Amino acid sequence: MKEFILFVLTFIFVLMIYEIFVVSKTKKRKAKGEDNGKEPIEIVYLIKRYNLNMKKVNYNQLLQIISIVSSLDIAIVVSLVMIPMNFYLAIILGFVSCIGSILLSYHLVYLFYKKKGMIK
């Protein structure tokens, strides 16, 4: 039960921080028309790796999806690392689960947009 509470609290905390510092600043910058190449790295990854067509994508929806996915990834990694075990095993598990969850989750975002026909 403690692990589930830790997962939920981590997810909510990271989601709020991500919304405040990344999503809101990016929306303000886009509203002002400032396009100086300061896209969030997640969007750059989706564009370069999966050829996401930004002309068809609702940018605000993409920001929300990315914030939820990133928060979920961090919450999963924190929950796995906090399982009592050897310190070195926790570091290795954290690294592997971090890389794996990021790659898997952004591939699922790609499949979502591919199904909607928003891939070049």
C-alpha atoms as a PDB file:
ATOM      1  CA  MET A   1       0.000   0.000   0.000  1.00  0.00           C
ATOM      2  CA  LYS A   2       2.883   2.384   0.754  1.00  0.00           C
ATOM      3  CA  GLU A   3       4.332   1.774  -2.690  1.00  0.00           C
ATOM      4  CA  PHE A   4       1.049   2.701  -4.355  1.00  0.00           C
ATOM      5  CA  ILE A   5       0.770   5.903  -2.311  1.00  0.00           C
ATOM      6  CA  LEU A   6       4.371   6.750  -3.202  1.00  0.00           C
ATOM      7  CA  PHE A   7       3.596   6.132  -6.887  1.00  0.00           C
ATOM      8  CA  VAL A   8       0.495   8.355  -6.867  1.00  0.00           C
ATOM      9  CA  LEU A   9       2.141  11.171  -4.918  1.00  0.00           C
ATOM     10  CA  THR A  10       5.221  11.095  -7.140  1.00  0.00           C
ATOM     11  CA  PHE A  11       3.061  11.142 -10.259  1.00  0.00           C
ATOM     12  CA  ILE A  12       1.002  14.118  -9.045  1.00  0.00           C
ATOM     13  CA  PHE A  13       4.047  16.048  -7.826  1.00  0.00           C
ATOM     14  CA  VAL A  14       6.028  15.553 -11.040  1.00  0.00           C
ATOM     15  CA  LEU A  15       2.979  16.342 -13.176  1.00  0.00           C
ATOM     16  CA  MET A  16       2.437  19.646 -11.357  1.00  0.00           C
ATOM     17  CA  ILE A  17       6.109  20.602 -11.652  1.00  0.00           C
ATOM     18  CA  TYR A  18       6.161  19.655 -15.328  1.00  0.00           C
ATOM     19  CA  GLU A  19       2.977  21.650 -16.018  1.00  0.00           C
ATOM     20  CA  ILE A  20       4.358  24.738 -14.269  1.00  0.00           C
ATOM     21  CA  PHE A  21       7.886  24.779 -15.621  1.00  0.00           C
ATOM     22  CA  VAL A  22       7.626  23.208 -19.067  1.00  0.00           C
ATOM     23  CA  VAL A  23       4.098  23.246 -20.438  1.00  0.00           C
ATOM     24  CA  SER A  24       3.035  26.722 -19.330  1.00  0.00           C
ATOM     25  CA  LYS A  25       6.308  28.334 -20.468  1.00  0.00           C
ATOM     26  CA  THR A  26       6.111  26.601 -23.833  1.00  0.00           C
ATOM     27  CA  LYS A  27       2.485  27.689 -24.316  1.00  0.00           C
ATOM     28  CA  LYS A  28       3.368  31.297 -23.470  1.00  0.00           C
ATOM     29  CA  ARG A  29       6.305  31.240 -25.856  1.00  0.00           C
ATOM     30  CA  LYS A  30       4.127  29.832 -28.654  1.00  0.00           C
ATOM     31  CA  ALA A  31       1.368  32.382 -27.938  1.00  0.00           C
ATOM     32  CA  LYS A  32       3.858  35.236 -28.280  1.00  0.00           C
ATOM     33  CA  GLY A  33       5.099  33.790 -31.549  1.00  0.00           C
ATOM     34  CA  GLU A  34       8.621  33.214 -30.284  1.00  0.00           C
ATOM     35  CA  ASP A  35       9.905  30.245 -32.225  1.00  0.00           C
ATOM     36  CA  ASN A  36      13.606  30.324 -31.472  1.00  0.00           C
ATOM     37  CA  GLY A  37      14.122  26.574 -31.462  1.00  0.00           C
ATOM     38  CA  LYS A  38      13.373  26.047 -27.782  1.00  0.00           C
ATOM     39  CA  GLU A  39      11.089  23.071 -28.178  1.00  0.00           C
ATOM     40  CA  PRO A  40      10.901  20.595 -25.312  1.00  0.00           C
ATOM     41  CA  ILE A  41      13.351  17.774 -25.923  1.00  0.00           C
ATOM     42  CA  GLU A  42      10.517  15.244 -25.957  1.00  0.00           C
ATOM     43  CA  ILE A  43       8.918  16.949 -28.960  1.00  0.00           C
ATOM     44  CA  VAL A  44      12.271  17.157 -30.750  1.00  0.00           C
ATOM     45  CA  TYR A  45      12.734  13.419 -30.126  1.00  0.00           C
ATOM     46  CA  LEU A  46       9.290  12.584 -31.551  1.00  0.00           C
ATOM     47  CA  ILE A  47       9.881  14.764 -34.618  1.00  0.00           C
ATOM     48  CA  LYS A  48      13.362  13.412 -35.381  1.00  0.00           C
ATOM     49  CA  ARG A  49      12.829   9.753 -34.481  1.00  0.00           C
ATOM     50  CA  TYR A  50       9.262   9.181 -35.667  1.00  0.00           C
ATOM     51  CA  ASN A  51       8.725  11.998 -38.217  1.00  0.00           C
ATOM     52  CA  LEU A  52       5.822  13.545 -36.326  1.00  0.00           C
ATOM     53  CA  ASN A  53       3.984  15.999 -38.571  1.00  0.00           C
ATOM     54  CA  MET A  54       3.646  19.138 -36.450  1.00  0.00           C
ATOM     55  CA  LYS A  55       1.300  20.770 -38.973  1.00  0.00           C
ATOM     56  CA  LYS A  56      -1.377  18.165 -38.204  1.00  0.00           C
ATOM     57  CA  VAL A  57      -0.753  17.801 -34.464  1.00  0.00           C
ATOM     58  CA  ASN A  58      -2.595  19.859 -31.870  1.00  0.00           C
ATOM     59  CA  TYR A  59       0.402  21.323 -30.039  1.00  0.00           C
ATOM     60  CA  ASN A  60      -1.373  21.821 -26.700  1.00  0.00           C
ATOM     61  CA  GLN A  61      -2.637  18.229 -26.727  1.00  0.00           C
ATOM     62  CA  LEU A  62       0.873  16.991 -27.489  1.00  0.00           C
ATOM     63  CA  LEU A  63       2.248  18.977 -24.534  1.00  0.00           C
ATOM     64  CA  GLN A  64      -0.357  17.458 -22.219  1.00  0.00           C
ATOM     65  CA  ILE A  65       0.343  13.936 -23.449  1.00  0.00           C
ATOM     66  CA  ILE A  66       4.073  14.434 -22.990  1.00  0.00           C
ATOM     67  CA  SER A  67       3.631  15.800 -19.468  1.00  0.00           C
ATOM     68  CA  ILE A  68       1.485  12.815 -18.453  1.00  0.00           C
ATOM     69  CA  VAL A  69       3.845  10.299 -20.068  1.00  0.00           C
ATOM     70  CA  SER A  70       6.957  11.848 -18.517  1.00  0.00           C
ATOM     71  CA  SER A  71       5.331  12.000 -15.089  1.00  0.00           C
ATOM     72  CA  LEU A  72       4.282   8.378 -15.370  1.00  0.00           C
ATOM     73  CA  ASP A  73       7.804   7.350 -16.366  1.00  0.00           C
ATOM     74  CA  ILE A  74       9.359   9.125 -13.402  1.00  0.00           C
ATOM     75  CA  ALA A  75       6.777   7.724 -10.985  1.00  0.00           C
ATOM     76  CA  ILE A  76       7.425   4.174 -12.223  1.00  0.00           C
ATOM     77  CA  VAL A  77      11.185   4.551 -11.883  1.00  0.00           C
ATOM     78  CA  VAL A  78      10.931   6.057  -8.386  1.00  0.00           C
ATOM     79  CA  SER A  79       8.585   3.275  -7.286  1.00  0.00           C
ATOM     80  CA  LEU A  80      10.926   0.576  -8.591  1.00  0.00           C
ATOM     81  CA  VAL A  81      14.015   2.114  -7.024  1.00  0.00           C
ATOM     82  CA  MET A  82      12.356   2.549  -3.636  1.00  0.00           C
ATOM     83  CA  ILE A  83      11.786  -1.197  -3.264  1.00  0.00           C
ATOM     84  CA  PRO A  84      14.171  -2.190  -0.472  1.00  0.00           C
ATOM     85  CA  MET A  85      17.221  -3.905  -1.951  1.00  0.00           C
ATOM     86  CA  ASN A  86      20.941  -3.584  -2.457  1.00  0.00           C
ATOM     87  CA  PHE A  87      22.116  -0.040  -3.288  1.00  0.00           C
ATOM     88  CA  TYR A  88      23.981  -1.035  -6.447  1.00  0.00           C
ATOM     89  CA  LEU A  89      21.070  -3.113  -7.640  1.00  0.00           C
ATOM     90  CA  ALA A  90      18.778  -0.125  -7.113  1.00  0.00           C
ATOM     91  CA  ILE A  91      21.075   2.089  -9.214  1.00  0.00           C
ATOM     92  CA  ILE A  92      21.239  -0.445 -12.038  1.00  0.00           C
ATOM     93  CA  LEU A  93      17.488  -1.087 -11.892  1.00  0.00           C
ATOM     94  CA  GLY A  94      16.812   2.652 -11.877  1.00  0.00           C
ATOM     95  CA  PHE A  95      19.001   3.261 -14.908  1.00  0.00           C
ATOM     96  CA  VAL A  96      17.620   0.355 -16.933  1.00  0.00           C
ATOM     97  CA  SER A  97      13.997   1.081 -16.031  1.00  0.00           C
ATOM     98  CA  CYS A  98      14.453   4.784 -16.760  1.00  0.00           C
ATOM     99  CA  ILE A  99      15.809   4.220 -20.260  1.00  0.00           C
ATOM    100  CA  GLY A 100      13.360   1.405 -20.967  1.00  0.00           C
ATOM    101  CA  SER A 101      10.277   3.257 -19.778  1.00  0.00           C
ATOM    102  CA  ILE A 102      11.181   6.394 -21.739  1.00  0.00           C
ATOM    103  CA  LEU A 103      11.743   4.469 -24.964  1.00  0.00           C
ATOM    104  CA  LEU A 104       8.592   2.395 -24.505  1.00  0.00           C
ATOM    105  CA  SER A 105       6.337   5.289 -23.544  1.00  0.00           C
ATOM    106  CA  TYR A 106       7.396   7.522 -26.428  1.00  0.00           C
ATOM    107  CA  HIS A 107       6.985   4.609 -28.808  1.00  0.00           C
ATOM    108  CA  LEU A 108       3.401   4.300 -27.515  1.00  0.00           C
ATOM    109  CA  VAL A 109       2.914   8.037 -28.156  1.00  0.00           C
ATOM    110  CA  TYR A 110       4.195   7.441 -31.687  1.00  0.00           C
ATOM    111  CA  LEU A 111       1.721   4.584 -32.179  1.00  0.00           C
ATOM    112  CA  PHE A 112      -1.084   6.844 -30.926  1.00  0.00           C
ATOM    113  CA  TYR A 113      -0.242   9.540 -33.474  1.00  0.00           C
ATOM    114  CA  LYS A 114       0.396   6.982 -36.212  1.00  0.00           C
ATOM    115  CA  LYS A 115      -3.096   5.600 -35.689  1.00  0.00           C
ATOM    116  CA  LYS A 116      -4.476   9.130 -36.017  1.00  0.00           C
ATOM    117  CA  GLY A 117      -2.508   9.603 -39.268  1.00  0.00           C
ATOM    118  CA  MET A 118      -0.233  12.369 -38.031  1.00  0.00           C
ATOM    119  CA  ILE A 119       3.086  10.817 -39.054  1.00  0.00           C
ATOM    120  CA  LYS A 120       4.807  11.991 -42.269  1.00  0.00           C
END
